[in-house]
Amino acid sequence: MAASNYNVDLSLAMRMDPVAPGDWLLVAPLVITVLGGALCLMTRKNTDAQPKVAIIFLSLLVAACAGLLARVLDKGVITMVAGNWLPPFGIAFTVDALGATLALTSSVVALAAAVYGIGDVDSSGRRYGFYPFLMLLMTGVCGAFLTGDIFNLYVWFEVLLISSFGLLVLGNERAQLDGAVKYALLNIIATTLFLIATGLLYGILGTLNMADIAIKAREAGLQGPLMTVAVLYFLAFAMKAAAFPVNFWLPASYHTPRIVIAAVFAGLLTKVGVYALLRIFALLLPDARVALADVIALVAIATMLTGVLGALAQTDIRRLLGYLVISGIGSMLAGLAIGTTPALAGTIFYAVHSILVMTALYMAAGVMRGLGGSYSLRELGGLYRASPAFAAVFLMLGFAVSGLPPFSGFWPKVLLVDAALVGGHGWIAASILVTGLLTTIAMGRVWIYAFWRGGAEGTADGQLTSVLVPAPGMTSASIWLPIGLLLGLVILLGVQPEFMMQVSGRGASTLTEPLGYLRSVFGGAVQ
């Protein structure tokens, strides 16, 4: 019989309705970053053209992610499946307000880094791959935020890790290689645990689609094997997020690369780990989150306090900022430990704030070295006289990272403290407040030593011992524009927090009430 005589109902296996034009924004970030990275690689010998190519494509990425967030806020959760196969058989991309918000924030930071890199990365660094690696890193970051398949979350983690290894050793200095070994070792262990947990999860539930996992895990209940998977996931992503006690790799490695690379790492990489924890424990395995809530709370408190105490003990600005990255991770984990919608909203808001402010602070540290010739507080001084405007910029960023009004760090801490008190988690609320106070002291110490003091260690306060001459490039627009952009967003989120609170609330609601997420994948049949 001729094949044409068979009646095959493809609708049983595939989506037959055409994809709405606006939904193509879901995969646009991946297409843009891959094409941009390829063009940067093709122009690797033309070091003047590379920044222009990267800035053009990263600007397109910002526009695509902004359009995607607007569409999610208008239409709700969006899903696309490769080859139009019906879930859970096809590889799904699913985006909600959480994923779209973090993708947009990350793209803004990457654009700022591309501009900053014009003045910070020399022709050798460009020739050996700074801009291609940056584009590849953004492919992995955006893929992780937009995927709806847990195995592909692992794949996108691998993409961003490979590119981060390349960025970390760019320059081939001894300190960079030493930091790369520590960074690579812990991340390889974490990735292995992630893969083992995913294999066990597939063996238990028979699916890799996140929406399907959420449904089947609720039906199965908190079995022993699922609890084992949850513990493995928590350990893996706690390592990637630099949570206590597996956080020592971050301050040992983030101070070694060029400052623009450290800025990107501080802003983005640990937040992908936090995102994975939110997605797995709030959406996929909520019963495991409840069972592990006390453990997560202890880890959160320990991460906050050890991070800020480590910052107080540092004299190298880069190491100090690395410990503040760790402290911020503890605040985000506090929201996960509490687990309510307002607490998760606070975590999402805090993640956006941390991405912006930590990137800006690392970039500001680069300016401090350019003005004063060192990253050491023992050797810095007189920066206020050298640049009063920059002193004001750094002070505002210090207020922001400390959670003081009217900057972006104030509102997520308000949400987290309020959720902790409402939920009866007094120790978490107290830890957040104490951490904020100690962070203020740490940043005040930096400002007094580096800006107010007249010179290196031993110089009397206010006594200028020498006239600082800025290093070449410190007056360049490529250095000041990205810092000004990020500071502007930090101020805007502080004085006009309503939009970010609304978006964070939408993202948190999807995690705690996932019906819209599930229906986006499987249609209206899900109840």
Protein backbone atom coordinates (compact mmCIF):
# COMPACT_ATOMS: atom_id res chain seq x y z
CA MET A 1 0.00 0.00 0.00
CA ALA A 2 1.34 3.44 -0.85
CA ALA A 3 2.53 5.53 2.09
CA SER A 4 0.19 8.31 1.03
CA ASN A 5 -2.82 6.12 1.86
CA TYR A 6 -1.96 6.06 5.58
CA ASN A 7 -3.85 8.56 7.72
CA VAL A 8 -1.43 9.80 10.39
CA ASP A 9 -2.72 12.14 13.05
CA LEU A 10 0.39 14.24 13.71
CA SER A 11 -1.45 16.26 16.35
CA LEU A 12 -1.02 13.30 18.73
CA ALA A 13 2.75 13.80 18.70
CA MET A 14 3.37 17.35 17.57
CA ARG A 15 2.10 20.90 18.03
CA MET A 16 0.26 21.83 14.85
CA ASP A 17 -0.56 25.46 15.59
CA PRO A 18 1.96 28.01 14.27
CA VAL A 19 4.27 29.78 16.70
CA ALA A 20 3.17 33.33 17.45
CA PRO A 21 5.73 35.82 16.07
CA GLY A 22 6.31 37.35 19.50
CA ASP A 23 7.18 33.96 20.99
CA TRP A 24 10.32 33.76 18.83
CA LEU A 25 11.83 36.22 21.31
CA LEU A 26 12.27 33.19 23.57
CA VAL A 27 15.11 31.82 21.44
CA ALA A 28 16.38 35.15 20.12
CA PRO A 29 18.94 35.61 22.97
CA LEU A 30 20.63 32.34 22.06
CA VAL A 31 20.73 33.13 18.35
CA ILE A 32 22.09 36.62 18.97
CA THR A 33 24.87 35.54 21.33
CA VAL A 34 25.98 32.59 19.16
CA LEU A 35 26.12 34.73 16.01
CA GLY A 36 27.83 37.57 17.89
CA GLY A 37 30.41 35.20 19.34
CA ALA A 38 31.09 33.70 15.91
CA LEU A 39 31.64 37.13 14.36
CA CYS A 40 33.91 38.17 17.23
CA LEU A 41 35.94 35.01 16.65
CA MET A 42 36.14 35.69 12.93
CA THR A 43 37.48 39.20 13.63
CA ARG A 44 39.96 38.10 16.31
CA LYS A 45 42.89 39.61 14.40
CA ASN A 46 41.09 42.91 14.01
CA THR A 47 41.18 43.94 17.66
CA ASP A 48 39.57 47.32 16.96
CA ALA A 49 36.51 45.76 15.33
CA GLN A 50 35.82 43.17 18.05
CA PRO A 51 34.41 45.60 20.66
CA LYS A 52 32.13 47.19 18.07
CA VAL A 53 30.76 43.80 17.00
CA ALA A 54 30.22 42.73 20.62
CA ILE A 55 28.52 45.98 21.61
CA ILE A 56 26.17 45.82 18.61
CA PHE A 57 25.12 42.22 19.35
CA LEU A 58 24.85 42.78 23.10
CA SER A 59 22.65 45.82 22.44
CA LEU A 60 20.44 43.54 20.34
CA LEU A 61 20.47 41.07 23.23
CA VAL A 62 19.27 43.75 25.66
CA ALA A 63 16.49 44.70 23.25
CA ALA A 64 15.46 41.06 22.75
CA CYS A 65 15.40 40.34 26.50
CA ALA A 66 13.45 43.54 27.17
CA GLY A 67 10.91 42.53 24.54
CA LEU A 68 10.73 39.03 26.01
CA LEU A 69 10.06 40.36 29.51
CA ALA A 70 7.36 42.69 28.17
CA ARG A 71 5.69 39.78 26.37
CA VAL A 72 5.82 37.56 29.47
CA LEU A 73 4.26 40.30 31.59
CA ASP A 74 1.54 40.70 28.95
CA LYS A 75 0.86 37.10 27.91
CA GLY A 76 2.13 35.03 30.83
CA VAL A 77 4.54 32.10 30.72
CA ILE A 78 5.77 31.23 27.19
CA THR A 79 6.88 27.81 25.95
CA MET A 80 8.52 26.62 22.73
CA VAL A 81 9.48 23.01 22.02
CA ALA A 82 12.19 21.99 19.57
CA GLY A 83 10.80 20.38 16.43
CA ASN A 84 7.24 21.14 17.60
CA TRP A 85 7.18 17.85 19.51
CA LEU A 86 4.61 17.70 22.28
CA PRO A 87 6.05 17.96 25.80
CA PRO A 88 7.58 16.19 27.59
CA PHE A 89 9.22 14.51 24.59
CA GLY A 90 10.59 17.61 22.91
CA ILE A 91 13.30 19.83 24.35
CA ALA A 92 11.42 22.78 25.82
CA PHE A 93 12.29 26.41 26.36
CA THR A 94 9.99 27.95 28.95
CA VAL A 95 10.25 31.47 30.29
CA ASP A 96 8.41 33.17 33.11
CA ALA A 97 8.92 36.55 34.78
CA LEU A 98 11.82 35.18 36.86
CA GLY A 99 13.82 33.90 33.90
CA ALA A 100 13.07 36.91 31.68
CA THR A 101 14.02 39.39 34.42
CA LEU A 102 17.36 37.76 35.15
CA ALA A 103 18.12 37.39 31.43
CA LEU A 104 17.47 41.10 30.88
CA THR A 105 19.56 42.15 33.89
CA SER A 106 22.41 39.89 32.81
CA SER A 107 22.36 41.26 29.27
CA VAL A 108 22.62 44.83 30.58
CA VAL A 109 25.63 43.85 32.68
CA ALA A 110 27.26 42.10 29.71
CA LEU A 111 26.78 45.21 27.56
CA ALA A 112 28.35 47.34 30.30
CA ALA A 113 31.29 44.91 30.48
CA ALA A 114 31.79 45.03 26.72
CA VAL A 115 32.05 48.82 26.85
CA TYR A 116 34.30 48.76 29.93
CA GLY A 117 36.52 46.20 28.21
CA ILE A 118 37.48 48.77 25.56
CA GLY A 119 39.64 50.49 28.15
CA ASP A 120 40.48 47.50 30.36
CA VAL A 121 41.36 44.72 27.89
CA ASP A 122 44.41 45.26 25.71
CA SER A 123 44.88 44.03 22.16
CA SER A 124 46.45 40.78 23.37
CA GLY A 125 43.41 40.02 25.56
CA ARG A 126 41.09 40.71 22.65
CA ARG A 127 43.11 38.58 20.28
CA TYR A 128 43.03 35.65 22.68
CA GLY A 129 39.28 35.73 23.08
CA PHE A 130 37.84 38.18 25.60
CA TYR A 131 34.87 39.19 23.45
CA PRO A 132 34.12 35.72 21.97
CA PHE A 133 34.28 34.22 25.46
CA LEU A 134 31.98 36.97 26.78
CA MET A 135 29.42 36.21 24.08
CA LEU A 136 29.68 32.46 24.75
CA LEU A 137 29.26 33.13 28.46
CA MET A 138 26.04 35.00 27.74
CA THR A 139 24.82 32.10 25.60
CA GLY A 140 25.15 29.82 28.62
CA VAL A 141 23.66 32.34 31.06
CA CYS A 142 20.63 33.10 28.88
CA GLY A 143 20.15 29.42 28.06
CA ALA A 144 20.10 28.54 31.77
CA PHE A 145 17.47 31.21 32.50
CA LEU A 146 15.24 30.24 29.57
CA THR A 147 15.37 26.44 29.43
CA GLY A 148 12.44 24.28 30.50
CA ASP A 149 14.46 21.04 30.53
CA ILE A 150 16.61 20.11 33.51
CA PHE A 151 19.23 18.24 31.48
CA ASN A 152 19.61 21.25 29.22
CA LEU A 153 20.07 23.36 32.34
CA TYR A 154 23.14 21.18 32.88
CA VAL A 155 24.21 21.75 29.26
CA TRP A 156 23.94 25.53 29.57
CA PHE A 157 25.90 25.41 32.80
CA GLU A 158 28.66 23.62 30.90
CA VAL A 159 28.62 26.28 28.20
CA LEU A 160 29.02 29.12 30.68
CA LEU A 161 31.66 27.22 32.66
CA ILE A 162 33.79 26.54 29.59
CA SER A 163 33.71 30.21 28.62
CA SER A 164 34.40 31.29 32.22
CA PHE A 165 37.49 29.05 32.31
CA GLY A 166 38.75 30.79 29.17
CA LEU A 167 38.13 34.24 30.64
CA LEU A 168 39.71 33.35 33.97
CA VAL A 169 43.09 32.37 32.47
CA LEU A 170 43.14 35.19 29.91
CA GLY A 171 46.58 36.71 30.42
CA ASN A 172 48.29 33.47 31.51
CA GLU A 173 49.69 34.87 34.74
CA ARG A 174 50.68 32.62 37.65
CA ALA A 175 47.98 34.00 39.97
CA GLN A 176 45.33 33.46 37.27
CA LEU A 177 46.34 29.84 36.75
CA ASP A 178 46.29 29.23 40.51
CA GLY A 179 42.83 30.78 40.81
CA ALA A 180 41.60 28.85 37.77
CA VAL A 181 42.62 25.52 39.34
CA LYS A 182 40.58 26.22 42.48
CA TYR A 183 37.66 27.54 40.47
CA ALA A 184 37.69 24.60 38.08
CA LEU A 185 38.05 21.91 40.75
CA LEU A 186 35.05 22.99 42.81
CA ASN A 187 32.90 23.61 39.75
CA ILE A 188 33.77 20.23 38.24
CA ILE A 189 32.74 18.55 41.52
CA ALA A 190 29.51 20.56 41.57
CA THR A 191 28.77 19.76 37.94
CA THR A 192 29.36 16.06 38.57
CA LEU A 193 26.91 16.10 41.48
CA PHE A 194 24.42 17.96 39.26
CA LEU A 195 24.70 15.30 36.56
CA ILE A 196 24.39 12.43 39.06
CA ALA A 197 21.30 14.00 40.62
CA THR A 198 19.73 14.53 37.18
CA GLY A 199 20.38 10.90 36.24
CA LEU A 200 18.77 9.70 39.47
CA LEU A 201 15.80 12.02 38.94
CA TYR A 202 15.26 10.65 35.45
CA GLY A 203 15.47 7.12 36.78
CA ILE A 204 12.82 7.88 39.43
CA LEU A 205 10.36 9.97 37.41
CA GLY A 206 11.21 9.08 33.81
CA THR A 207 11.24 12.66 32.55
CA LEU A 208 13.56 15.65 32.17
CA ASN A 209 10.96 18.31 31.36
CA MET A 210 10.71 20.69 34.32
CA ALA A 211 6.92 21.04 34.17
CA ASP A 212 6.53 17.25 33.94
CA ILE A 213 8.92 16.81 36.88
CA ALA A 214 6.85 19.26 38.94
CA ILE A 215 3.66 17.29 38.27
CA LYS A 216 5.14 13.81 38.85
CA ALA A 217 7.09 14.84 41.94
CA ARG A 218 3.90 16.13 43.56
CA GLU A 219 2.13 12.87 42.71
CA ALA A 220 5.00 10.73 44.02
CA GLY A 221 5.36 12.59 47.31
CA LEU A 222 8.60 13.00 49.22
CA GLN A 223 10.08 9.54 48.73
CA GLY A 224 13.52 8.64 50.05
CA PRO A 225 15.09 8.62 46.56
CA LEU A 226 13.66 12.06 45.75
CA MET A 227 15.05 13.41 49.01
CA THR A 228 18.47 12.08 48.02
CA VAL A 229 18.17 13.85 44.68
CA ALA A 230 17.18 17.08 46.44
CA VAL A 231 20.20 16.93 48.76
CA LEU A 232 22.54 16.35 45.81
CA TYR A 233 21.02 19.28 43.93
CA PHE A 234 21.35 21.53 46.97
CA LEU A 235 25.00 20.62 47.46
CA ALA A 236 25.78 21.08 43.76
CA PHE A 237 24.16 24.49 43.42
CA ALA A 238 25.35 25.66 46.84
CA MET A 239 28.88 25.12 45.49
CA LYS A 240 28.10 27.03 42.31
CA ALA A 241 26.45 29.83 44.28
CA ALA A 242 29.41 29.99 46.73
CA ALA A 243 27.30 29.24 49.81
CA PHE A 244 28.82 28.22 53.15
CA PRO A 245 30.81 26.00 53.69
CA VAL A 246 31.81 25.47 50.04
CA ASN A 247 32.49 29.11 49.25
CA PHE A 248 36.25 29.35 49.68
CA TRP A 249 36.89 29.04 45.94
CA LEU A 250 35.32 32.42 45.14
CA PRO A 251 37.63 34.82 47.04
CA ALA A 252 40.54 32.60 46.02
CA SER A 253 39.84 33.04 42.30
CA TYR A 254 37.80 36.19 41.59
CA HIS A 255 40.70 38.52 42.41
CA THR A 256 43.01 37.00 39.79
CA PRO A 257 41.59 37.92 36.33
CA ARG A 258 41.27 41.35 34.76
CA ILE A 259 38.86 43.50 36.73
CA VAL A 260 36.20 43.57 33.99
CA ILE A 261 36.18 39.75 33.97
CA ALA A 262 35.95 39.65 37.76
CA ALA A 263 33.05 42.13 37.51
CA VAL A 264 31.13 39.86 35.12
CA PHE A 265 31.80 36.81 37.28
CA ALA A 266 30.70 38.60 40.47
CA GLY A 267 27.55 39.84 38.82
CA LEU A 268 26.41 36.74 36.98
CA LEU A 269 27.88 33.35 37.81
CA THR A 270 26.75 32.84 41.40
CA LYS A 271 23.28 34.16 40.51
CA VAL A 272 22.81 31.34 38.01
CA GLY A 273 23.37 28.95 40.91
CA VAL A 274 20.78 30.80 43.01
CA TYR A 275 18.36 30.71 40.07
CA ALA A 276 18.76 26.94 39.80
CA LEU A 277 18.07 26.54 43.53
CA LEU A 278 14.90 28.63 43.21
CA ARG A 279 13.72 26.70 40.18
CA ILE A 280 14.37 23.25 41.63
CA PHE A 281 13.31 23.73 45.25
CA ALA A 282 10.41 26.15 44.82
CA LEU A 283 8.95 24.82 41.56
CA LEU A 284 10.06 21.22 41.00
CA LEU A 285 10.59 19.80 44.51
CA PRO A 286 8.68 22.05 46.95
CA ASP A 287 8.20 19.24 49.48
CA ALA A 288 11.97 18.80 49.65
CA ARG A 289 12.35 22.54 50.26
CA VAL A 290 10.02 22.28 53.24
CA ALA A 291 11.96 19.30 54.59
CA LEU A 292 15.30 21.11 54.15
CA ALA A 293 14.09 24.56 55.24
CA ASP A 294 16.01 24.55 58.53
CA VAL A 295 19.20 23.41 56.81
CA ILE A 296 18.82 26.08 54.12
CA ALA A 297 18.22 28.70 56.83
CA LEU A 298 21.40 27.71 58.69
CA VAL A 299 23.40 27.79 55.46
CA ALA A 300 21.93 31.19 54.61
CA ILE A 301 22.81 32.70 57.99
CA ALA A 302 26.32 31.22 57.95
CA THR A 303 26.87 32.45 54.40
CA MET A 304 25.76 35.99 55.27
CA LEU A 305 27.89 36.27 58.38
CA THR A 306 31.06 34.54 57.17
CA GLY A 307 30.91 36.59 53.99
CA VAL A 308 30.68 39.97 55.69
CA LEU A 309 33.19 39.04 58.42
CA GLY A 310 35.59 37.93 55.69
CA ALA A 311 35.10 41.31 53.99
CA LEU A 312 35.98 43.14 57.21
CA ALA A 313 39.26 41.22 57.43
CA GLN A 314 40.49 42.08 53.91
CA THR A 315 42.91 44.75 52.74
CA ASP A 316 42.70 43.83 49.03
CA ILE A 317 39.62 45.50 47.55
CA ARG A 318 38.96 42.63 45.12
CA ARG A 319 39.00 40.03 47.88
CA LEU A 320 36.78 42.26 50.03
CA LEU A 321 34.23 42.51 47.23
CA GLY A 322 34.41 38.75 46.70
CA TYR A 323 33.35 38.19 50.30
CA LEU A 324 30.49 40.66 49.84
CA VAL A 325 29.32 38.57 46.86
CA ILE A 326 29.22 35.59 49.22
CA SER A 327 27.33 37.56 51.87
CA GLY A 328 24.70 38.55 49.30
CA ILE A 329 24.19 34.90 48.35
CA GLY A 330 23.25 34.25 51.97
CA SER A 331 20.54 36.91 51.81
CA MET A 332 19.10 35.28 48.68
CA LEU A 333 19.14 31.83 50.29
CA ALA A 334 17.24 33.32 53.24
CA GLY A 335 14.26 33.92 50.94
CA LEU A 336 14.40 30.32 49.76
CA ALA A 337 14.52 29.07 53.35
CA ILE A 338 11.40 31.07 54.26
CA GLY A 339 9.70 29.91 51.07
CA THR A 340 6.68 32.23 50.98
CA THR A 341 5.79 34.27 47.91
CA PRO A 342 6.93 37.60 49.47
CA ALA A 343 10.21 36.01 50.57
CA LEU A 344 10.91 34.59 47.10
CA ALA A 345 10.03 37.98 45.61
CA GLY A 346 12.63 39.49 47.92
CA THR A 347 15.20 36.96 46.71
CA ILE A 348 14.47 37.78 43.05
CA PHE A 349 14.69 41.53 43.71
CA TYR A 350 17.91 41.02 45.65
CA ALA A 351 19.41 38.97 42.80
CA VAL A 352 18.73 41.79 40.33
CA HIS A 353 20.19 44.32 42.75
CA SER A 354 23.28 42.19 43.40
CA ILE A 355 23.96 41.63 39.69
CA LEU A 356 23.99 45.38 39.09
CA VAL A 357 25.76 46.64 42.19
CA MET A 358 28.50 43.99 42.44
CA THR A 359 29.40 44.44 38.78
CA ALA A 360 29.59 48.20 39.28
CA LEU A 361 31.70 47.85 42.44
CA TYR A 362 34.29 45.66 40.71
CA MET A 363 34.46 48.14 37.85
CA ALA A 364 34.87 50.91 40.41
CA ALA A 365 37.73 48.93 41.98
CA GLY A 366 39.44 49.05 38.58
CA VAL A 367 39.11 52.83 38.59
CA MET A 368 40.56 52.95 42.11
CA ARG A 369 43.61 51.08 40.92
CA GLY A 370 43.90 53.36 37.90
CA LEU A 371 43.82 56.42 40.15
CA GLY A 372 45.90 55.12 43.06
CA GLY A 373 48.05 52.43 41.48
CA SER A 374 47.00 49.56 43.74
CA TYR A 375 44.12 47.38 44.94
CA SER A 376 45.51 47.36 48.49
CA LEU A 377 43.97 49.58 51.14
CA ARG A 378 47.43 49.82 52.70
CA GLU A 379 48.73 51.58 49.61
CA LEU A 380 45.74 53.73 48.65
CA GLY A 381 44.76 57.19 49.81
CA GLY A 382 43.82 60.62 48.58
CA LEU A 383 41.36 59.41 45.93
CA TYR A 384 38.82 62.04 47.00
CA ARG A 385 41.24 64.78 46.00
CA ALA A 386 42.05 62.98 42.76
CA SER A 387 38.38 62.67 41.76
CA PRO A 388 35.59 64.00 44.01
CA ALA A 389 32.97 62.81 41.50
CA PHE A 390 34.26 59.25 41.65
CA ALA A 391 34.37 59.40 45.44
CA ALA A 392 30.65 60.23 45.38
CA VAL A 393 29.96 57.37 42.93
CA PHE A 394 31.77 54.85 45.13
CA LEU A 395 30.01 56.10 48.24
CA MET A 396 26.60 55.61 46.60
CA LEU A 397 27.54 52.09 45.51
CA GLY A 398 28.70 51.41 49.07
CA PHE A 399 25.33 52.57 50.41
CA ALA A 400 23.56 50.36 47.86
CA VAL A 401 25.44 47.16 48.69
CA SER A 402 24.85 47.86 52.40
CA GLY A 403 21.09 48.03 51.83
CA LEU A 404 20.69 51.70 52.74
CA PRO A 405 18.03 53.95 51.17
CA PRO A 406 17.44 55.38 48.65
CA PHE A 407 19.27 52.71 46.65
CA SER A 408 18.33 49.33 45.20
CA GLY A 409 19.57 47.21 48.10
CA PHE A 410 17.08 48.69 50.56
CA TRP A 411 13.82 47.26 49.18
CA PRO A 412 14.74 43.57 48.81
CA LYS A 413 16.04 43.60 52.38
CA VAL A 414 12.75 45.14 53.52
CA LEU A 415 10.87 42.34 51.74
CA LEU A 416 13.12 39.64 53.21
CA VAL A 417 13.07 41.00 56.77
CA ASP A 418 9.30 41.45 56.69
CA ALA A 419 8.76 37.92 55.31
CA ALA A 420 11.10 36.51 57.96
CA LEU A 421 9.27 38.25 60.81
CA VAL A 422 5.83 37.28 59.47
CA GLY A 423 6.96 33.67 59.13
CA GLY A 424 8.48 33.52 62.60
CA HIS A 425 12.10 33.40 61.39
CA GLY A 426 13.54 35.95 63.78
CA TRP A 427 17.12 34.68 63.46
CA ILE A 428 17.04 35.18 59.71
CA ALA A 429 15.71 38.73 60.07
CA ALA A 430 18.35 39.54 62.69
CA SER A 431 21.11 38.11 60.51
CA ILE A 432 20.03 40.21 57.51
CA LEU A 433 20.06 43.37 59.64
CA VAL A 434 23.41 42.59 61.29
CA THR A 435 24.91 41.77 57.90
CA GLY A 436 23.72 45.11 56.56
CA LEU A 437 25.33 46.94 59.49
CA LEU A 438 28.66 45.11 59.10
CA THR A 439 28.62 45.69 55.33
CA THR A 440 28.19 49.41 55.99
CA ILE A 441 31.24 49.30 58.27
CA ALA A 442 33.29 47.39 55.69
CA MET A 443 32.45 49.82 52.88
CA GLY A 444 32.94 52.82 55.18
CA ARG A 445 36.39 51.48 56.01
CA VAL A 446 37.25 51.31 52.30
CA TRP A 447 36.02 54.87 51.70
CA ILE A 448 37.94 56.29 54.68
CA TYR A 449 41.20 54.53 53.81
CA ALA A 450 41.14 54.93 50.04
CA PHE A 451 39.36 58.26 49.61
CA TRP A 452 39.58 60.35 52.77
CA ARG A 453 43.08 59.46 53.96
CA GLY A 454 45.72 61.56 52.25
CA GLY A 455 48.09 58.76 51.26
CA ALA A 456 49.32 55.25 51.93
CA GLU A 457 49.30 53.54 55.34
CA GLY A 458 50.76 55.79 58.01
CA THR A 459 49.46 59.01 56.48
CA ALA A 460 47.34 61.22 58.72
CA ASP A 461 43.66 61.50 57.74
CA GLY A 462 42.98 64.45 55.49
CA GLN A 463 46.69 65.15 54.87
CA LEU A 464 47.49 64.90 51.17
CA THR A 465 51.05 63.60 50.72
CA SER A 466 51.20 63.51 46.92
CA VAL A 467 49.23 64.43 43.83
CA LEU A 468 47.76 61.35 42.15
CA VAL A 469 48.09 61.15 38.40
CA PRO A 470 45.35 58.97 36.81
CA ALA A 471 46.62 56.06 34.71
CA PRO A 472 46.08 56.32 30.94
CA GLY A 473 42.48 55.57 30.05
CA MET A 474 40.97 56.46 33.43
CA THR A 475 39.27 59.49 31.91
CA SER A 476 37.92 57.46 28.98
CA ALA A 477 34.16 57.35 28.38
CA SER A 478 34.42 53.56 28.03
CA ILE A 479 35.32 53.38 31.74
CA TRP A 480 32.79 55.86 33.09
CA LEU A 481 29.75 55.10 30.91
CA PRO A 482 29.17 51.51 32.13
CA ILE A 483 29.66 52.51 35.78
CA GLY A 484 27.27 55.42 35.28
CA LEU A 485 24.71 53.16 33.60
CA LEU A 486 24.78 50.61 36.41
CA LEU A 487 24.71 53.28 39.12
CA GLY A 488 21.74 54.91 37.38
CA LEU A 489 19.83 51.63 37.49
CA VAL A 490 20.77 51.12 41.14
CA ILE A 491 19.37 54.56 41.97
CA LEU A 492 16.28 54.06 39.80
CA LEU A 493 15.40 50.77 41.49
CA GLY A 494 15.82 52.50 44.84
CA VAL A 495 13.62 55.53 44.21
CA GLN A 496 11.11 53.81 41.89
CA PRO A 497 10.90 50.19 43.13
CA GLU A 498 7.27 49.56 42.16
CA PHE A 499 7.95 47.97 38.76
CA MET A 500 10.67 45.69 40.11
CA MET A 501 8.45 44.68 43.01
CA GLN A 502 5.67 43.83 40.58
CA VAL A 503 7.98 41.77 38.37
CA SER A 504 9.55 40.01 41.37
CA GLY A 505 6.10 39.21 42.70
CA ARG A 506 5.08 37.71 39.35
CA GLY A 507 8.21 35.58 39.29
CA ALA A 508 7.69 34.39 42.85
CA SER A 509 4.02 33.59 42.23
CA THR A 510 4.98 31.33 39.34
CA LEU A 511 7.24 29.37 41.69
CA THR A 512 4.71 28.96 44.51
CA GLU A 513 1.59 28.67 42.33
CA PRO A 514 2.88 26.97 39.17
CA LEU A 515 -0.42 26.30 37.38
CA GLY A 516 0.30 28.95 34.75
CA TYR A 517 3.76 27.49 34.15
CA LEU A 518 2.38 23.96 33.80
CA ARG A 519 -0.44 25.02 31.46
CA SER A 520 2.04 26.89 29.27
CA VAL A 521 3.82 23.58 28.68
CA PHE A 522 0.95 21.09 28.62
CA GLY A 523 -2.06 23.24 27.77
CA GLY A 524 -5.32 23.72 29.61
CA ALA A 525 -5.66 20.03 30.54
CA VAL A 526 -3.49 20.54 33.62
CA GLN A 527 -5.57 21.15 36.75
